Amino acid sequence: MTRCASWPGRTALAGLIALTSVACGSDSAAPTPPTTLPPTPVTSPPVAPPTTASYGCPLPRLPDLGITCPKLQPKLKDYVDAAVDKAIREHPEYFNLNDSPGAGSYKVLDRERYVKSVVDNVRAQGVCAIEEKEEIALKTTNEFNEQYNIWSSSGYIRRAYITTCFPAQF
């Protein structure tokens, strides 16, 4: 007849890991006492620099602020289009008007001044506007704001609605 004896042995690692050792023997041999191993230290893997293939955000998740930013039918796009057109008319030096992939999208020669001009032109229409790195944000009420990208990474004018945030974020 085979008999199984067990000896519980616990080693806590930060209150999370419990080890139990079990040794089994037969009637003809005495049970072997468990071997207690030292806990394996938990170390963080080395942090490799981000690559374009995979990149995770190292920042902690923020609490839910009740903000939603769906992509809807834009309501403020006409203000953006008018502001971009005015920038082209009033500051042709910001653009290469001979380099256009089509439909009023010209090569931007001075991105900083172009974006500032568009934001100023939106404000001149009585609409709140700010620059936010790669986008501009517009609002006519604190109920929502819309985000627009007005410059492409290839260096051309872009007139792209991105999203609407509820409530307004600025």
N, C-alpha and C. Protein backbone atom coordinates (compact mmCIF):
# COMPACT_ATOMS: atom_id res chain seq x y z
N MET A 1 0.84 -1.16 0.00
CA MET A 1 0.00 0.00 0.00
C MET A 1 0.89 1.24 0.00
N THR A 2 0.53 2.21 -0.80
CA THR A 2 1.30 3.45 -0.90
C THR A 2 0.62 4.50 -0.04
N ARG A 3 1.44 5.24 0.64
CA ARG A 3 0.87 6.26 1.50
C ARG A 3 1.53 7.59 1.14
N CYS A 4 0.82 8.66 1.29
CA CYS A 4 1.34 9.99 0.94
C CYS A 4 1.30 10.86 2.18
N ALA A 5 2.39 11.44 2.52
CA ALA A 5 2.44 12.35 3.66
C ALA A 5 2.75 13.74 3.13
N SER A 6 2.21 14.72 3.74
CA SER A 6 2.48 16.08 3.28
C SER A 6 2.92 16.94 4.45
N TRP A 7 3.82 17.84 4.15
CA TRP A 7 4.27 18.81 5.13
C TRP A 7 4.06 20.20 4.54
N PRO A 8 3.18 20.96 5.10
CA PRO A 8 3.02 22.32 4.57
C PRO A 8 4.19 23.19 5.01
N GLY A 9 4.79 23.85 4.07
CA GLY A 9 5.86 24.80 4.37
C GLY A 9 5.55 26.08 3.62
N ARG A 10 5.49 27.17 4.30
CA ARG A 10 5.09 28.42 3.64
C ARG A 10 6.20 29.45 3.73
N THR A 11 6.45 30.06 2.63
CA THR A 11 7.36 31.20 2.58
C THR A 11 6.60 32.33 1.92
N ALA A 12 6.44 33.44 2.61
CA ALA A 12 5.67 34.56 2.07
C ALA A 12 6.62 35.52 1.38
N LEU A 13 6.26 35.91 0.22
CA LEU A 13 7.01 36.92 -0.52
C LEU A 13 6.06 38.07 -0.75
N ALA A 14 6.23 39.11 0.06
CA ALA A 14 5.38 40.30 0.01
C ALA A 14 3.92 39.92 0.20
N GLY A 15 3.64 38.88 0.96
CA GLY A 15 2.27 38.50 1.25
C GLY A 15 1.54 37.90 0.09
N LEU A 16 2.23 37.55 -0.99
CA LEU A 16 1.54 37.10 -2.18
C LEU A 16 1.82 35.65 -2.56
N ILE A 17 2.99 35.11 -2.17
CA ILE A 17 3.38 33.79 -2.67
C ILE A 17 3.38 32.80 -1.51
N ALA A 18 2.76 31.66 -1.68
CA ALA A 18 2.79 30.62 -0.65
C ALA A 18 3.28 29.35 -1.31
N LEU A 19 4.25 28.72 -0.68
CA LEU A 19 4.80 27.48 -1.22
C LEU A 19 4.36 26.33 -0.34
N THR A 20 3.96 25.24 -0.93
CA THR A 20 3.63 24.05 -0.17
C THR A 20 4.42 22.91 -0.76
N SER A 21 5.13 22.22 0.07
CA SER A 21 5.92 21.09 -0.40
C SER A 21 5.21 19.81 0.00
N VAL A 22 5.20 18.87 -0.93
CA VAL A 22 4.58 17.59 -0.66
C VAL A 22 5.57 16.50 -1.03
N ALA A 23 5.76 15.56 -0.15
CA ALA A 23 6.65 14.44 -0.44
C ALA A 23 5.85 13.16 -0.29
N CYS A 24 6.01 12.23 -1.19
CA CYS A 24 5.29 10.97 -1.14
C CYS A 24 6.29 9.83 -1.06
N GLY A 25 5.97 8.77 -0.31
CA GLY A 25 6.84 7.62 -0.21
C GLY A 25 6.01 6.35 -0.13
N SER A 26 6.63 5.22 -0.01
CA SER A 26 5.90 3.96 0.12
C SER A 26 6.08 3.45 1.55
N ASP A 27 5.42 2.34 1.89
CA ASP A 27 5.50 1.78 3.24
C ASP A 27 6.91 1.34 3.57
N SER A 28 7.71 1.00 2.57
CA SER A 28 9.03 0.45 2.83
C SER A 28 10.08 1.51 3.13
N ALA A 29 9.81 2.76 2.82
CA ALA A 29 10.80 3.81 3.05
C ALA A 29 10.18 4.92 3.88
N ALA A 30 10.98 5.55 4.68
CA ALA A 30 10.50 6.67 5.49
C ALA A 30 10.33 7.88 4.59
N PRO A 31 9.33 8.70 4.89
CA PRO A 31 9.12 9.91 4.09
C PRO A 31 10.33 10.84 4.15
N THR A 32 10.60 11.50 3.04
CA THR A 32 11.71 12.44 2.95
C THR A 32 11.20 13.81 3.38
N PRO A 33 11.91 14.46 4.28
CA PRO A 33 11.45 15.79 4.69
C PRO A 33 11.53 16.78 3.52
N PRO A 34 10.65 17.78 3.50
CA PRO A 34 10.66 18.74 2.40
C PRO A 34 11.92 19.59 2.45
N THR A 35 12.35 20.01 1.29
CA THR A 35 13.48 20.91 1.17
C THR A 35 12.94 22.32 1.07
N THR A 36 13.35 23.19 1.95
CA THR A 36 12.88 24.56 1.92
C THR A 36 13.86 25.39 1.09
N LEU A 37 13.35 25.98 0.06
CA LEU A 37 14.17 26.82 -0.81
C LEU A 37 13.99 28.27 -0.43
N PRO A 38 15.06 29.05 -0.52
CA PRO A 38 14.89 30.48 -0.24
C PRO A 38 14.00 31.10 -1.31
N PRO A 39 13.24 32.12 -0.93
CA PRO A 39 12.36 32.76 -1.93
C PRO A 39 13.18 33.37 -3.05
N THR A 40 12.65 33.26 -4.25
CA THR A 40 13.30 33.87 -5.41
C THR A 40 13.03 35.36 -5.36
N PRO A 41 14.08 36.18 -5.38
CA PRO A 41 13.84 37.62 -5.34
C PRO A 41 13.11 38.08 -6.60
N VAL A 42 12.19 39.00 -6.38
CA VAL A 42 11.44 39.57 -7.50
C VAL A 42 12.16 40.83 -7.93
N THR A 43 12.60 40.83 -9.16
CA THR A 43 13.27 42.02 -9.69
C THR A 43 12.53 42.48 -10.92
N SER A 44 12.59 43.75 -11.16
CA SER A 44 11.97 44.30 -12.36
C SER A 44 12.88 44.03 -13.53
N PRO A 45 12.29 43.68 -14.68
CA PRO A 45 13.13 43.49 -15.85
C PRO A 45 13.74 44.82 -16.27
N PRO A 46 14.90 44.79 -16.92
CA PRO A 46 15.50 46.05 -17.36
C PRO A 46 14.58 46.75 -18.34
N VAL A 47 14.55 48.05 -18.25
CA VAL A 47 13.69 48.85 -19.12
C VAL A 47 14.46 49.16 -20.39
N ALA A 48 13.92 48.69 -21.50
CA ALA A 48 14.53 48.96 -22.79
C ALA A 48 13.93 50.24 -23.36
N PRO A 49 14.66 50.97 -24.16
CA PRO A 49 14.09 52.17 -24.76
C PRO A 49 12.94 51.78 -25.68
N PRO A 50 11.91 52.65 -25.80
CA PRO A 50 10.78 52.33 -26.65
C PRO A 50 11.19 52.19 -28.11
N THR A 51 10.50 51.33 -28.81
CA THR A 51 10.72 51.17 -30.24
C THR A 51 9.44 51.55 -30.94
N THR A 52 9.54 51.74 -32.23
CA THR A 52 8.33 52.08 -32.98
C THR A 52 7.39 50.90 -33.05
N ALA A 53 7.91 49.68 -32.90
CA ALA A 53 7.06 48.50 -32.98
C ALA A 53 6.17 48.37 -31.75
N SER A 54 6.71 48.69 -30.56
CA SER A 54 5.89 48.57 -29.36
C SER A 54 6.28 49.66 -28.38
N TYR A 55 5.31 50.38 -27.89
CA TYR A 55 5.56 51.42 -26.93
C TYR A 55 4.39 51.50 -25.97
N GLY A 56 4.68 51.39 -24.70
CA GLY A 56 3.65 51.53 -23.68
C GLY A 56 3.87 52.81 -22.91
N CYS A 57 2.82 53.40 -22.45
CA CYS A 57 2.93 54.64 -21.69
C CYS A 57 3.35 54.32 -20.27
N PRO A 58 4.44 54.92 -19.79
CA PRO A 58 4.90 54.64 -18.43
C PRO A 58 4.14 55.40 -17.36
N LEU A 59 3.23 56.26 -17.74
CA LEU A 59 2.51 57.08 -16.76
C LEU A 59 1.34 56.31 -16.16
N PRO A 60 1.01 56.58 -14.91
CA PRO A 60 -0.13 55.90 -14.30
C PRO A 60 -1.44 56.34 -14.93
N ARG A 61 -2.41 55.48 -14.86
CA ARG A 61 -3.74 55.79 -15.38
C ARG A 61 -4.38 56.86 -14.51
N LEU A 62 -5.01 57.84 -15.13
CA LEU A 62 -5.67 58.91 -14.40
C LEU A 62 -7.06 58.48 -13.99
N PRO A 63 -7.61 59.09 -12.95
CA PRO A 63 -8.98 58.75 -12.55
C PRO A 63 -9.96 59.19 -13.62
N ASP A 64 -11.12 58.56 -13.65
CA ASP A 64 -12.16 58.91 -14.61
C ASP A 64 -12.72 60.28 -14.23
N LEU A 65 -12.53 61.23 -15.11
CA LEU A 65 -13.02 62.58 -14.87
C LEU A 65 -14.38 62.84 -15.51
N GLY A 66 -14.97 61.81 -16.07
CA GLY A 66 -16.26 61.98 -16.72
C GLY A 66 -16.16 62.64 -18.08
N ILE A 67 -14.97 62.63 -18.66
CA ILE A 67 -14.75 63.27 -19.96
C ILE A 67 -14.95 62.22 -21.05
N THR A 68 -15.70 62.59 -22.06
CA THR A 68 -15.84 61.72 -23.22
C THR A 68 -15.47 62.52 -24.45
N CYS A 69 -14.79 61.87 -25.39
CA CYS A 69 -14.34 62.55 -26.60
C CYS A 69 -14.66 61.69 -27.83
N PRO A 70 -15.93 61.58 -28.18
CA PRO A 70 -16.27 60.79 -29.36
C PRO A 70 -16.01 61.57 -30.65
N LYS A 71 -15.96 60.85 -31.74
CA LYS A 71 -15.85 61.48 -33.06
C LYS A 71 -17.28 61.64 -33.57
N LEU A 72 -17.69 62.88 -33.72
CA LEU A 72 -19.06 63.21 -34.13
C LEU A 72 -19.03 64.02 -35.42
N GLN A 73 -20.17 64.49 -35.81
CA GLN A 73 -20.26 65.43 -36.93
C GLN A 73 -19.78 66.78 -36.40
N PRO A 74 -18.68 67.35 -36.95
CA PRO A 74 -18.15 68.60 -36.41
C PRO A 74 -19.12 69.77 -36.60
N LYS A 75 -19.12 70.67 -35.62
CA LYS A 75 -19.97 71.86 -35.68
C LYS A 75 -19.17 73.13 -35.94
N LEU A 76 -17.86 73.09 -35.71
CA LEU A 76 -17.04 74.30 -35.79
C LEU A 76 -16.07 74.30 -36.96
N LYS A 77 -16.19 73.35 -37.86
CA LYS A 77 -15.25 73.20 -38.97
C LYS A 77 -15.21 74.42 -39.88
N ASP A 78 -16.33 75.07 -40.10
CA ASP A 78 -16.34 76.26 -40.96
C ASP A 78 -15.44 77.37 -40.42
N TYR A 79 -15.36 77.49 -39.10
CA TYR A 79 -14.45 78.48 -38.50
C TYR A 79 -12.99 78.14 -38.82
N VAL A 80 -12.66 76.87 -38.75
CA VAL A 80 -11.29 76.43 -39.04
C VAL A 80 -10.96 76.68 -40.51
N ASP A 81 -11.85 76.27 -41.40
CA ASP A 81 -11.61 76.47 -42.83
C ASP A 81 -11.42 77.95 -43.16
N ALA A 82 -12.27 78.82 -42.61
CA ALA A 82 -12.16 80.26 -42.85
C ALA A 82 -10.84 80.80 -42.30
N ALA A 83 -10.43 80.30 -41.14
CA ALA A 83 -9.18 80.77 -40.52
C ALA A 83 -7.96 80.33 -41.33
N VAL A 84 -7.97 79.11 -41.85
CA VAL A 84 -6.86 78.62 -42.69
C VAL A 84 -6.81 79.42 -43.99
N ASP A 85 -7.95 79.61 -44.62
CA ASP A 85 -8.00 80.38 -45.88
C ASP A 85 -7.48 81.81 -45.68
N LYS A 86 -7.85 82.42 -44.57
CA LYS A 86 -7.38 83.79 -44.27
C LYS A 86 -5.86 83.80 -44.05
N ALA A 87 -5.33 82.79 -43.38
CA ALA A 87 -3.88 82.71 -43.17
C ALA A 87 -3.16 82.61 -44.51
N ILE A 88 -3.69 81.84 -45.44
CA ILE A 88 -3.08 81.71 -46.77
C ILE A 88 -3.11 83.06 -47.50
N ARG A 89 -4.26 83.73 -47.46
CA ARG A 89 -4.40 85.03 -48.14
C ARG A 89 -3.50 86.09 -47.54
N GLU A 90 -3.46 86.18 -46.20
CA GLU A 90 -2.75 87.26 -45.54
C GLU A 90 -1.26 86.98 -45.34
N HIS A 91 -0.86 85.72 -45.36
CA HIS A 91 0.54 85.37 -45.11
C HIS A 91 1.04 84.32 -46.10
N PRO A 92 1.07 84.66 -47.38
CA PRO A 92 1.54 83.67 -48.36
C PRO A 92 3.01 83.27 -48.13
N GLU A 93 3.75 84.10 -47.38
CA GLU A 93 5.15 83.78 -47.09
C GLU A 93 5.30 82.56 -46.16
N TYR A 94 4.23 82.16 -45.51
CA TYR A 94 4.27 80.98 -44.64
C TYR A 94 4.17 79.67 -45.43
N PHE A 95 3.93 79.78 -46.74
CA PHE A 95 3.64 78.60 -47.57
C PHE A 95 4.43 78.60 -48.87
N ASN A 96 4.59 77.43 -49.46
CA ASN A 96 5.06 77.31 -50.84
C ASN A 96 3.79 77.06 -51.66
N LEU A 97 3.28 78.12 -52.28
CA LEU A 97 2.02 78.02 -53.02
C LEU A 97 2.16 77.24 -54.33
N ASN A 98 3.39 76.88 -54.69
CA ASN A 98 3.63 76.06 -55.89
C ASN A 98 3.75 74.58 -55.55
N ASP A 99 3.64 74.24 -54.26
CA ASP A 99 3.75 72.85 -53.82
C ASP A 99 2.46 72.47 -53.10
N SER A 100 1.56 71.85 -53.85
CA SER A 100 0.26 71.48 -53.31
C SER A 100 -0.16 70.11 -53.79
N PRO A 101 -0.46 69.20 -52.87
CA PRO A 101 -0.98 67.90 -53.28
C PRO A 101 -2.45 67.99 -53.71
N GLY A 102 -3.07 69.18 -53.54
CA GLY A 102 -4.43 69.38 -54.00
C GLY A 102 -5.30 70.13 -53.02
N ALA A 103 -6.37 70.68 -53.53
CA ALA A 103 -7.47 71.32 -52.78
C ALA A 103 -7.03 72.26 -51.66
N GLY A 104 -6.20 73.24 -51.97
CA GLY A 104 -5.83 74.27 -50.99
C GLY A 104 -4.92 73.79 -49.88
N SER A 105 -4.27 72.69 -50.08
CA SER A 105 -3.29 72.19 -49.11
C SER A 105 -1.91 72.49 -49.65
N TYR A 106 -1.27 73.48 -49.05
CA TYR A 106 0.05 73.90 -49.51
C TYR A 106 1.13 73.46 -48.53
N LYS A 107 2.36 73.42 -49.03
CA LYS A 107 3.51 73.11 -48.18
C LYS A 107 3.67 74.26 -47.19
N VAL A 108 3.75 73.93 -45.90
CA VAL A 108 3.92 74.94 -44.85
C VAL A 108 5.41 75.17 -44.65
N LEU A 109 5.84 76.44 -44.78
CA LEU A 109 7.24 76.80 -44.62
C LEU A 109 7.55 77.28 -43.20
N ASP A 110 6.54 77.83 -42.52
CA ASP A 110 6.72 78.32 -41.15
C ASP A 110 5.56 77.82 -40.30
N ARG A 111 5.72 76.63 -39.76
CA ARG A 111 4.64 75.97 -39.03
C ARG A 111 4.18 76.79 -37.82
N GLU A 112 5.12 77.29 -37.04
CA GLU A 112 4.78 78.03 -35.83
C GLU A 112 3.91 79.25 -36.14
N ARG A 113 4.33 80.03 -37.12
CA ARG A 113 3.55 81.23 -37.47
C ARG A 113 2.22 80.87 -38.13
N TYR A 114 2.21 79.80 -38.91
CA TYR A 114 0.97 79.34 -39.54
C TYR A 114 -0.06 78.98 -38.49
N VAL A 115 0.32 78.16 -37.51
CA VAL A 115 -0.62 77.72 -36.48
C VAL A 115 -1.09 78.91 -35.65
N LYS A 116 -0.16 79.80 -35.29
CA LYS A 116 -0.55 80.99 -34.53
C LYS A 116 -1.53 81.85 -35.33
N SER A 117 -1.28 81.99 -36.61
CA SER A 117 -2.18 82.78 -37.46
C SER A 117 -3.57 82.17 -37.52
N VAL A 118 -3.65 80.85 -37.66
CA VAL A 118 -4.96 80.18 -37.70
C VAL A 118 -5.70 80.37 -36.38
N VAL A 119 -5.01 80.17 -35.26
CA VAL A 119 -5.65 80.35 -33.95
C VAL A 119 -6.14 81.79 -33.81
N ASP A 120 -5.31 82.77 -34.18
CA ASP A 120 -5.73 84.17 -34.11
C ASP A 120 -6.93 84.44 -35.01
N ASN A 121 -6.95 83.83 -36.20
CA ASN A 121 -8.06 84.03 -37.13
C ASN A 121 -9.36 83.41 -36.60
N VAL A 122 -9.27 82.29 -35.91
CA VAL A 122 -10.46 81.69 -35.29
C VAL A 122 -10.97 82.63 -34.20
N ARG A 123 -10.06 83.13 -33.38
CA ARG A 123 -10.46 84.04 -32.29
C ARG A 123 -11.11 85.31 -32.85
N ALA A 124 -10.62 85.80 -33.99
CA ALA A 124 -11.19 87.00 -34.61
C ALA A 124 -12.64 86.77 -35.04
N GLN A 125 -13.04 85.51 -35.17
CA GLN A 125 -14.42 85.18 -35.52
C GLN A 125 -15.31 85.05 -34.27
N GLY A 126 -14.74 85.35 -33.10
CA GLY A 126 -15.50 85.29 -31.86
C GLY A 126 -15.58 83.90 -31.24
N VAL A 127 -14.65 83.01 -31.62
CA VAL A 127 -14.62 81.64 -31.12
C VAL A 127 -13.37 81.45 -30.29
N CYS A 128 -13.49 80.79 -29.16
CA CYS A 128 -12.32 80.49 -28.33
C CYS A 128 -11.46 79.45 -29.04
N ALA A 129 -10.15 79.63 -29.02
CA ALA A 129 -9.25 78.69 -29.67
C ALA A 129 -7.89 78.71 -28.98
N ILE A 130 -7.26 77.53 -28.91
CA ILE A 130 -5.91 77.42 -28.38
C ILE A 130 -5.14 76.41 -29.22
N GLU A 131 -3.81 76.52 -29.16
CA GLU A 131 -2.94 75.54 -29.81
C GLU A 131 -2.60 74.47 -28.79
N GLU A 132 -2.68 73.23 -29.20
CA GLU A 132 -2.32 72.10 -28.34
C GLU A 132 -1.37 71.18 -29.09
N LYS A 133 -0.10 71.56 -29.14
CA LYS A 133 0.96 70.81 -29.81
C LYS A 133 0.62 70.49 -31.26
N GLU A 134 0.05 69.33 -31.53
CA GLU A 134 -0.24 68.91 -32.92
C GLU A 134 -1.64 69.29 -33.37
N GLU A 135 -2.44 69.84 -32.49
CA GLU A 135 -3.83 70.17 -32.83
C GLU A 135 -4.17 71.56 -32.34
N ILE A 136 -5.33 72.04 -32.77
CA ILE A 136 -5.92 73.23 -32.18
C ILE A 136 -7.27 72.82 -31.61
N ALA A 137 -7.69 73.51 -30.56
CA ALA A 137 -8.98 73.23 -29.93
C ALA A 137 -9.84 74.48 -30.03
N LEU A 138 -11.12 74.28 -30.33
CA LEU A 138 -12.08 75.38 -30.46
C LEU A 138 -13.28 75.10 -29.57
N LYS A 139 -13.89 76.19 -29.06
CA LYS A 139 -15.14 76.05 -28.34
C LYS A 139 -15.94 77.34 -28.44
N THR A 140 -17.24 77.19 -28.43
CA THR A 140 -18.15 78.33 -28.39
C THR A 140 -18.97 78.29 -27.10
N THR A 141 -18.78 77.23 -26.32
CA THR A 141 -19.45 77.02 -25.04
C THR A 141 -18.57 76.10 -24.21
N ASN A 142 -18.80 76.05 -22.92
CA ASN A 142 -18.05 75.13 -22.08
C ASN A 142 -18.65 73.72 -22.09
N GLU A 143 -19.72 73.53 -22.83
CA GLU A 143 -20.32 72.20 -22.93
C GLU A 143 -19.46 71.24 -23.73
N PHE A 144 -18.71 71.74 -24.72
CA PHE A 144 -17.87 70.87 -25.55
C PHE A 144 -16.77 71.69 -26.22
N ASN A 145 -15.74 71.00 -26.67
CA ASN A 145 -14.75 71.61 -27.57
C ASN A 145 -14.44 70.60 -28.67
N GLU A 146 -13.98 71.10 -29.79
CA GLU A 146 -13.60 70.24 -30.91
C GLU A 146 -12.10 70.39 -31.14
N GLN A 147 -11.48 69.28 -31.54
CA GLN A 147 -10.05 69.23 -31.83
C GLN A 147 -9.87 69.11 -33.34
N TYR A 148 -8.91 69.86 -33.89
CA TYR A 148 -8.60 69.83 -35.31
C TYR A 148 -7.10 69.73 -35.51
N ASN A 149 -6.71 68.97 -36.49
CA ASN A 149 -5.32 68.91 -36.90
C ASN A 149 -5.22 69.76 -38.17
N ILE A 150 -4.37 70.79 -38.13
CA ILE A 150 -4.29 71.72 -39.27
C ILE A 150 -2.94 71.64 -39.98
N TRP A 151 -2.13 70.65 -39.62
CA TRP A 151 -0.81 70.50 -40.21
C TRP A 151 -0.48 69.02 -40.25
N SER A 152 -0.06 68.54 -41.41
CA SER A 152 0.27 67.12 -41.54
C SER A 152 1.74 66.89 -41.21
N SER A 153 2.08 65.68 -40.85
CA SER A 153 3.47 65.36 -40.52
C SER A 153 4.39 65.49 -41.74
N SER A 154 3.81 65.45 -42.93
CA SER A 154 4.62 65.65 -44.13
C SER A 154 4.81 67.13 -44.45
N GLY A 155 4.22 68.01 -43.61
CA GLY A 155 4.49 69.44 -43.74
C GLY A 155 3.49 70.22 -44.57
N TYR A 156 2.30 69.70 -44.78
CA TYR A 156 1.29 70.39 -45.58
C TYR A 156 0.11 70.81 -44.71
N ILE A 157 -0.64 71.79 -45.21
CA ILE A 157 -1.88 72.19 -44.55
C ILE A 157 -2.80 70.98 -44.50
N ARG A 158 -3.43 70.82 -43.37
CA ARG A 158 -4.42 69.76 -43.19
C ARG A 158 -5.63 70.38 -42.52
N ARG A 159 -6.80 69.95 -42.88
CA ARG A 159 -8.05 70.47 -42.29
C ARG A 159 -8.85 69.28 -41.77
N ALA A 160 -8.36 68.68 -40.70
CA ALA A 160 -8.95 67.43 -40.23
C ALA A 160 -9.58 67.59 -38.85
N TYR A 161 -10.87 67.32 -38.79
CA TYR A 161 -11.57 67.23 -37.51
C TYR A 161 -11.10 65.95 -36.83
N ILE A 162 -10.79 66.02 -35.54
CA ILE A 162 -10.30 64.87 -34.79
C ILE A 162 -11.37 64.31 -33.86
N THR A 163 -11.90 65.13 -32.96
CA THR A 163 -12.86 64.64 -31.97
C THR A 163 -13.59 65.80 -31.30
N THR A 164 -14.62 65.47 -30.55
CA THR A 164 -15.35 66.44 -29.73
C THR A 164 -15.30 65.94 -28.29
N CYS A 165 -14.95 66.84 -27.36
CA CYS A 165 -14.85 66.45 -25.95
C CYS A 165 -15.94 67.13 -25.13
N PHE A 166 -16.56 66.34 -24.26
CA PHE A 166 -17.62 66.80 -23.35
C PHE A 166 -17.19 66.55 -21.92
N PRO A 167 -17.13 67.54 -21.05
CA PRO A 167 -17.26 68.97 -21.30
C PRO A 167 -15.99 69.52 -21.97
N ALA A 168 -16.00 70.80 -22.27
CA ALA A 168 -14.84 71.42 -22.91
C ALA A 168 -13.61 71.24 -22.04
N GLN A 169 -12.48 71.03 -22.67
CA GLN A 169 -11.24 70.72 -21.94
C GLN A 169 -10.33 71.93 -21.74
N PHE A 170 -10.76 73.09 -22.15
CA PHE A 170 -9.93 74.28 -21.88
C PHE A 170 -10.84 75.45 -21.60
